[in-house]
């Protein structure tokens, strides 16, 4: 309250040009709050849906997938809440780091949260892709050897790996730095002194790209396996429907992650060795803003890509596109939607 009040008095007491600055500051804070609120509400809704499904499900493979999906949503929720709160805090002080963070505590926390909540969803997405590939291609091995405590250990390892990478700058005495836009903290990207300053952002980029590559490879293998099974069996297989629903969600998560994180992860390696810093600084800020949308779009994958929602959307689209073709509509209902049938305990 005191910070906001002093900033308003400063805006009133200064000359006219600063009124534009103050209005831009208020607009930035408002947009940050709106973005954070939308992300929190979206992830909360998705978490409610996944928890409801997790309580009803009785299949081990489906339960493992829902465990990872729920963990991904919780990670996105906490990341959006913590990073969004830190960003609003920084903007509320007009990005004057020397005033509110003389000992670089907030910057270290901000940078570590950016790295941890950036890598964790990528690691979880790749772990979900590997788990689904094993469940589809080796179902007997998955049902007998892969237990719930194994999945929980793998989940803990993904979070631990992201936490270790986030803590490396602090352990190696290469603290996070305020970036040129002065709105966030990250690795030392400018005026790098030695190979450690170069290694840390490269490690972040390589691990993120490796996670995306694993997701692409294993999701492709799973999709091909399901397609082969579908072509071999003309009749509907009862156990294939929930596999299809999960692979639809995994493919959507992979697509969202590639679009949101790909530009930033690909651009970091040349960023560390180029001299054209002003343009690349703006590109880095744009890449971070795109990456934050990953935490907003991820939960909508679980909200929208469900059997009941997809059925209503596609039937509505079909009725709107061909309102008079009732025979085609009935054919669509009988044959196409059989792929989305799942067990009685459906989502």
Protein backbone atom coordinates (compact mmCIF):
# COMPACT_ATOMS: atom_id res chain seq x y z
CA UNK A 1 0.00 0.00 0.00
CA UNK A 2 2.74 2.45 0.89
CA UNK A 3 4.62 1.67 -2.30
CA UNK A 4 1.56 2.21 -4.44
CA UNK A 5 0.69 5.41 -2.61
CA UNK A 6 4.15 6.87 -2.99
CA UNK A 7 4.20 6.04 -6.67
CA UNK A 8 0.87 7.80 -7.18
CA UNK A 9 2.11 10.90 -5.35
CA UNK A 10 5.24 10.81 -7.49
CA UNK A 11 3.12 10.65 -10.62
CA UNK A 12 1.06 13.64 -9.51
CA UNK A 13 3.98 15.78 -8.48
CA UNK A 14 6.09 15.29 -11.60
CA UNK A 15 5.74 16.88 -15.01
CA UNK A 16 3.35 15.87 -17.75
CA UNK A 17 5.60 13.40 -19.60
CA UNK A 18 5.70 11.19 -16.53
CA UNK A 19 1.90 10.81 -16.64
CA UNK A 20 2.33 8.60 -19.67
CA UNK A 21 4.94 6.58 -17.80
CA UNK A 22 2.64 6.16 -14.82
CA UNK A 23 -0.26 5.11 -17.00
CA UNK A 24 1.96 2.59 -18.77
CA UNK A 25 3.08 1.27 -15.39
CA UNK A 26 -0.52 0.85 -14.21
CA UNK A 27 -1.43 -0.83 -17.49
CA UNK A 28 1.50 -3.24 -17.21
CA UNK A 29 0.58 -4.16 -13.64
CA UNK A 30 -3.07 -4.64 -14.64
CA UNK A 31 -2.16 -6.89 -17.56
CA UNK A 32 0.18 -8.92 -15.34
CA UNK A 33 -2.56 -9.38 -12.74
CA UNK A 34 -5.08 -10.39 -15.41
CA UNK A 35 -2.66 -12.88 -16.96
CA UNK A 36 -1.84 -14.36 -13.56
CA UNK A 37 -5.53 -14.61 -12.64
CA UNK A 38 -6.44 -16.34 -15.90
CA UNK A 39 -3.56 -18.80 -15.48
CA UNK A 40 -4.46 -19.60 -11.88
CA UNK A 41 -8.15 -20.10 -12.65
CA UNK A 42 -7.42 -22.26 -15.71
CA UNK A 43 -5.01 -24.50 -13.83
CA UNK A 44 -7.37 -24.76 -10.86
CA UNK A 45 -10.21 -25.88 -13.12
CA UNK A 46 -8.00 -28.43 -14.88
CA UNK A 47 -6.73 -29.72 -11.53
CA UNK A 48 -10.31 -30.19 -10.31
CA UNK A 49 -11.16 -32.21 -13.44
CA UNK A 50 -8.05 -34.38 -13.12
CA UNK A 51 -8.58 -35.04 -9.41
CA UNK A 52 -12.16 -36.04 -10.09
CA UNK A 53 -11.01 -38.43 -12.81
CA UNK A 54 -8.20 -39.83 -10.65
CA UNK A 55 -10.66 -40.81 -7.91
CA UNK A 56 -12.96 -42.62 -10.34
CA UNK A 57 -10.37 -44.44 -12.43
CA UNK A 58 -9.40 -48.03 -11.71
CA UNK A 59 -6.87 -48.66 -14.50
CA UNK A 60 -3.20 -48.55 -13.49
CA UNK A 61 -2.06 -47.06 -16.80
CA UNK A 62 -4.69 -44.34 -16.74
CA UNK A 63 -3.93 -43.58 -13.09
CA UNK A 64 -0.23 -43.12 -13.90
CA UNK A 65 -1.06 -40.72 -16.71
CA UNK A 66 -3.42 -38.73 -14.47
CA UNK A 67 -0.73 -38.57 -11.76
CA UNK A 68 1.72 -36.95 -14.17
CA UNK A 69 -0.98 -34.73 -15.68
CA UNK A 70 -2.06 -33.51 -12.26
CA UNK A 71 1.56 -32.85 -11.29
CA UNK A 72 2.04 -30.86 -14.50
CA UNK A 73 -1.02 -28.74 -13.75
CA UNK A 74 0.12 -28.14 -10.16
CA UNK A 75 3.56 -27.11 -11.41
CA UNK A 76 2.02 -24.71 -13.93
CA UNK A 77 -0.28 -23.32 -11.24
CA UNK A 78 2.54 -22.65 -8.77
CA UNK A 79 4.79 -21.28 -11.52
CA UNK A 80 2.16 -18.87 -12.73
CA UNK A 81 1.31 -17.77 -9.20
CA UNK A 82 4.89 -17.30 -7.96
CA UNK A 83 6.44 -15.82 -11.10
CA UNK A 84 3.39 -13.65 -11.71
CA UNK A 85 3.50 -12.30 -8.15
CA UNK A 86 7.20 -11.53 -8.47
CA UNK A 87 6.64 -9.73 -11.77
CA UNK A 88 3.84 -7.61 -10.29
CA UNK A 89 6.08 -6.84 -7.31
CA UNK A 90 8.88 -5.68 -9.60
CA UNK A 91 6.57 -3.48 -11.68
CA UNK A 92 4.98 -1.99 -8.56
CA UNK A 93 8.41 -0.61 -7.60
CA UNK A 94 8.89 0.74 -11.13
CA UNK A 95 11.66 -1.84 -11.76
CA UNK A 96 14.05 -0.05 -9.41
CA UNK A 97 15.95 -3.10 -8.22
CA UNK A 98 18.46 -1.04 -6.27
CA UNK A 99 15.64 0.21 -4.05
CA UNK A 100 13.83 -2.98 -3.08
CA UNK A 101 16.55 -5.61 -3.67
CA UNK A 102 19.95 -4.28 -2.61
CA UNK A 103 21.21 -7.76 -1.66
CA UNK A 104 19.91 -9.50 -4.83
CA UNK A 105 17.68 -11.86 -2.87
CA UNK A 106 14.56 -11.22 -4.95
CA UNK A 107 16.54 -11.51 -8.18
CA UNK A 108 18.00 -14.86 -7.13
CA UNK A 109 14.55 -16.15 -6.19
CA UNK A 110 13.04 -14.81 -9.43
CA UNK A 111 15.73 -16.38 -11.60
CA UNK A 112 15.59 -19.74 -9.83
CA UNK A 113 11.79 -19.85 -10.17
CA UNK A 114 12.03 -18.96 -13.86
CA UNK A 115 14.40 -21.86 -14.48
CA UNK A 116 12.64 -24.40 -12.26
CA UNK A 117 9.10 -23.70 -13.46
CA UNK A 118 10.39 -23.51 -17.02
CA UNK A 119 12.14 -26.88 -17.10
CA UNK A 120 9.70 -28.81 -14.90
CA UNK A 121 6.78 -28.80 -17.39
CA UNK A 122 9.12 -29.83 -20.20
CA UNK A 123 10.54 -32.70 -18.13
CA UNK A 124 7.08 -33.82 -17.06
CA UNK A 125 5.84 -33.74 -20.65
CA UNK A 126 8.69 -35.97 -21.79
CA UNK A 127 8.17 -38.33 -18.82
CA UNK A 128 4.47 -38.61 -19.71
CA UNK A 129 5.38 -39.41 -23.33
CA UNK A 130 7.81 -42.16 -22.23
CA UNK A 131 5.25 -43.62 -19.81
CA UNK A 132 2.53 -43.72 -22.47
CA UNK A 133 4.88 -45.28 -25.01
CA UNK A 134 5.69 -48.09 -22.57
CA UNK A 135 2.02 -48.51 -21.71
CA UNK A 136 1.00 -48.85 -25.36
CA UNK A 137 3.91 -50.80 -26.84
CA UNK A 138 4.64 -53.04 -23.81
CA UNK A 139 1.31 -53.21 -21.94
CA UNK A 140 2.13 -56.41 -20.03
CA UNK A 141 5.46 -55.03 -18.79
CA UNK A 142 3.75 -51.75 -17.87
CA UNK A 143 0.99 -53.45 -15.89
CA UNK A 144 3.31 -55.84 -14.03
CA UNK A 145 6.60 -53.99 -13.55
CA UNK A 146 5.62 -50.32 -13.53
CA UNK A 147 3.91 -49.63 -10.21
CA UNK A 148 2.57 -46.40 -8.78
CA UNK A 149 5.57 -45.92 -6.49
CA UNK A 150 7.84 -46.11 -9.54
CA UNK A 151 5.87 -43.30 -11.15
CA UNK A 152 6.08 -41.22 -8.00
CA UNK A 153 9.86 -41.71 -7.87
CA UNK A 154 10.15 -40.67 -11.52
CA UNK A 155 8.01 -37.64 -10.76
CA UNK A 156 10.28 -36.70 -7.88
CA UNK A 157 13.37 -37.12 -10.06
CA UNK A 158 12.02 -34.73 -12.69
CA UNK A 159 11.39 -32.05 -10.08
CA UNK A 160 14.79 -32.74 -8.48
CA UNK A 161 16.62 -32.36 -11.80
CA UNK A 162 14.89 -29.05 -12.50
CA UNK A 163 15.69 -27.86 -8.96
CA UNK A 164 19.38 -28.77 -9.36
CA UNK A 165 19.65 -26.82 -12.61
CA UNK A 166 17.90 -23.86 -10.99
CA UNK A 167 20.28 -23.94 -8.02
CA UNK A 168 23.49 -24.31 -10.09
CA UNK A 169 24.11 -20.54 -10.53
CA UNK A 170 23.90 -20.06 -6.78
CA UNK A 171 26.06 -23.08 -5.99
CA UNK A 172 28.70 -22.06 -8.54
CA UNK A 173 28.64 -18.44 -7.39
CA UNK A 174 27.27 -17.21 -10.70
CA UNK A 175 24.15 -15.45 -9.39
CA UNK A 176 21.19 -14.58 -11.55
CA UNK A 177 21.28 -11.12 -13.12
CA UNK A 178 18.66 -8.51 -13.86
CA UNK A 179 18.09 -8.50 -17.62
CA UNK A 180 18.16 -5.42 -19.85
CA UNK A 181 14.39 -4.91 -19.65
CA UNK A 182 14.79 -4.80 -15.83
CA UNK A 183 11.53 -6.74 -15.44
CA UNK A 184 12.94 -10.20 -14.71
CA UNK A 185 16.08 -12.15 -13.79
CA UNK A 186 17.88 -14.93 -15.62
CA UNK A 187 21.35 -16.26 -16.31
CA UNK A 188 24.24 -13.94 -17.10
CA UNK A 189 23.48 -13.32 -20.79
CA UNK A 190 25.56 -10.17 -21.34
CA UNK A 191 29.26 -9.56 -20.67
CA UNK A 192 29.97 -13.18 -19.87
CA UNK A 193 33.25 -13.55 -18.05
CA UNK A 194 34.21 -17.20 -18.50
CA UNK A 195 32.99 -20.61 -19.64
CA UNK A 196 30.66 -21.03 -16.65
CA UNK A 197 28.61 -18.00 -17.69
CA UNK A 198 28.35 -19.59 -21.12
CA UNK A 199 27.64 -23.11 -19.83
CA UNK A 200 24.65 -22.35 -17.59
CA UNK A 201 22.28 -20.92 -20.23
CA UNK A 202 23.47 -23.56 -22.69
CA UNK A 203 22.64 -26.28 -20.17
CA UNK A 204 19.16 -24.83 -19.71
CA UNK A 205 18.62 -24.69 -23.46
CA UNK A 206 19.99 -28.17 -24.19
CA UNK A 207 17.95 -29.84 -21.45
CA UNK A 208 14.78 -28.12 -22.63
CA UNK A 209 15.39 -29.09 -26.25
CA UNK A 210 16.21 -32.66 -25.20
CA UNK A 211 12.92 -32.88 -23.31
CA UNK A 212 11.03 -31.64 -26.37
CA UNK A 213 12.88 -34.10 -28.59
CA UNK A 214 12.02 -37.02 -26.29
CA UNK A 215 8.37 -35.96 -26.31
CA UNK A 216 8.32 -35.84 -30.11
CA UNK A 217 10.04 -39.23 -30.53
CA UNK A 218 8.01 -41.18 -27.98
CA UNK A 219 4.69 -39.58 -28.92
CA UNK A 220 5.39 -40.46 -32.55
CA UNK A 221 6.16 -44.08 -31.59
CA UNK A 222 2.97 -44.27 -29.53
CA UNK A 223 0.85 -42.79 -32.32
CA UNK A 224 2.29 -45.22 -34.89
CA UNK A 225 1.66 -48.16 -32.57
CA UNK A 226 -1.93 -47.13 -31.99
CA UNK A 227 -2.45 -46.61 -35.72
CA UNK A 228 -1.13 -50.08 -36.50
CA UNK A 229 -3.38 -51.61 -33.87
CA UNK A 230 -6.35 -49.72 -35.28
CA UNK A 231 -5.66 -50.91 -38.83
CA UNK A 232 -5.20 -54.53 -37.77
CA UNK A 233 -8.45 -54.68 -35.84
CA UNK A 234 -11.58 -53.76 -37.73
CA UNK A 235 -13.77 -54.10 -34.67
CA UNK A 236 -13.51 -51.63 -31.82
CA UNK A 237 -11.11 -52.52 -29.05
CA UNK A 238 -12.42 -51.47 -25.67
CA UNK A 239 -8.98 -50.72 -24.24
CA UNK A 240 -7.83 -48.56 -27.15
CA UNK A 241 -10.21 -45.66 -26.59
CA UNK A 242 -8.60 -44.28 -23.44
CA UNK A 243 -5.16 -44.67 -25.07
CA UNK A 244 -6.40 -42.48 -27.93
CA UNK A 245 -7.71 -39.86 -25.56
CA UNK A 246 -4.41 -39.70 -23.69
CA UNK A 247 -2.31 -39.52 -26.85
CA UNK A 248 -4.50 -36.66 -28.14
CA UNK A 249 -3.74 -34.77 -24.95
CA UNK A 250 -0.03 -35.60 -25.12
CA UNK A 251 0.23 -34.43 -28.72
CA UNK A 252 -1.51 -31.18 -27.79
CA UNK A 253 0.84 -30.64 -24.84
CA UNK A 254 3.83 -31.34 -27.08
CA UNK A 255 2.59 -28.89 -29.70
CA UNK A 256 1.98 -26.16 -27.11
CA UNK A 257 5.41 -26.70 -25.55
CA UNK A 258 7.18 -26.58 -28.92
CA UNK A 259 5.41 -23.38 -29.97
CA UNK A 260 5.82 -21.61 -26.63
CA UNK A 261 9.30 -22.77 -25.63
CA UNK A 262 10.92 -23.57 -28.98
CA UNK A 263 11.88 -20.00 -30.01
CA UNK A 264 13.48 -19.22 -26.64
CA UNK A 265 15.37 -22.51 -26.32
CA UNK A 266 16.66 -22.40 -29.90
CA UNK A 267 17.75 -18.78 -29.63
CA UNK A 268 19.67 -19.00 -26.33
CA UNK A 269 22.84 -20.73 -27.72
CA UNK A 270 23.62 -18.08 -30.39
CA UNK A 271 22.54 -15.39 -27.94
CA UNK A 272 25.47 -16.23 -25.71
CA UNK A 273 28.08 -15.50 -28.38
CA UNK A 274 26.71 -12.68 -30.51
CA UNK A 275 27.47 -9.00 -30.42
CA UNK A 276 24.07 -7.76 -31.60
CA UNK A 277 22.70 -7.54 -28.08
CA UNK A 278 19.85 -4.96 -28.29
CA UNK A 279 17.84 -6.88 -30.87
CA UNK A 280 18.45 -10.23 -29.21
CA UNK A 281 17.52 -8.80 -25.82
CA UNK A 282 14.11 -7.89 -27.21
CA UNK A 283 13.83 -11.34 -28.77
CA UNK A 284 14.68 -12.95 -25.42
CA UNK A 285 11.97 -10.94 -23.68
CA UNK A 286 9.47 -11.92 -26.38
CA UNK A 287 10.49 -15.56 -26.00
CA UNK A 288 9.90 -15.42 -22.24
CA UNK A 289 6.46 -13.92 -22.77
CA UNK A 290 5.64 -16.71 -25.22
CA UNK A 291 6.88 -19.28 -22.70
CA UNK A 292 4.54 -17.95 -20.02
CA UNK A 293 1.60 -18.83 -22.27
CA UNK A 294 2.59 -22.47 -21.91
CA UNK A 295 1.35 -22.38 -18.32
CA UNK A 296 -1.97 -20.91 -19.48
CA UNK A 297 -2.57 -23.21 -22.45
CA UNK A 298 -1.53 -26.50 -20.78
CA UNK A 299 -4.60 -26.78 -18.52
CA UNK A 300 -6.97 -26.13 -21.42
CA UNK A 301 -5.66 -29.30 -23.05
CA UNK A 302 -7.23 -31.31 -20.21
CA UNK A 303 -10.32 -29.11 -20.10
CA UNK A 304 -11.14 -29.28 -23.82
CA UNK A 305 -9.58 -32.51 -25.10
CA UNK A 306 -11.97 -34.82 -23.32
CA UNK A 307 -14.33 -37.27 -24.93
CA UNK A 308 -17.53 -35.49 -23.94
CA UNK A 309 -16.28 -32.05 -24.96
CA UNK A 310 -14.83 -33.26 -28.26
CA UNK A 311 -18.07 -35.04 -29.11
CA UNK A 312 -20.14 -31.90 -28.57
CA UNK A 313 -17.69 -29.68 -30.47
CA UNK A 314 -17.39 -31.95 -33.52
CA UNK A 315 -21.10 -32.70 -33.68
CA UNK A 316 -21.83 -28.99 -33.43
CA UNK A 317 -19.33 -28.27 -36.20
CA UNK A 318 -20.78 -31.04 -38.36
CA UNK A 319 -24.34 -29.80 -37.86
CA UNK A 320 -23.29 -26.26 -38.66
CA UNK A 321 -21.36 -27.33 -41.77
CA UNK A 322 -23.92 -29.84 -43.11
CA UNK A 323 -27.25 -29.05 -41.43
CA UNK A 324 -29.32 -31.17 -43.87
CA UNK A 325 -27.21 -34.32 -44.08
CA UNK A 326 -28.82 -36.31 -41.26
CA UNK A 327 -27.54 -39.58 -42.67
CA UNK A 328 -23.95 -38.36 -42.57
CA UNK A 329 -24.49 -37.10 -39.04
CA UNK A 330 -25.73 -40.50 -37.89
CA UNK A 331 -22.80 -42.14 -39.69
CA UNK A 332 -20.41 -39.77 -37.91
CA UNK A 333 -22.02 -40.61 -34.59
CA UNK A 334 -21.81 -44.38 -35.13
CA UNK A 335 -18.34 -44.72 -36.66
CA UNK A 336 -16.21 -41.69 -35.86
CA UNK A 337 -17.13 -41.26 -32.22
CA UNK A 338 -16.53 -44.87 -31.41
CA UNK A 339 -12.85 -43.87 -31.16
CA UNK A 340 -13.66 -41.70 -28.16
CA UNK A 341 -15.56 -44.32 -26.21
CA UNK A 342 -13.88 -45.11 -22.96
CA UNK A 343 -14.57 -47.29 -19.98
CA UNK A 344 -17.70 -46.66 -17.90
CA UNK A 345 -15.67 -44.63 -15.44
CA UNK A 346 -14.94 -41.96 -18.01
CA UNK A 347 -13.68 -38.46 -17.43
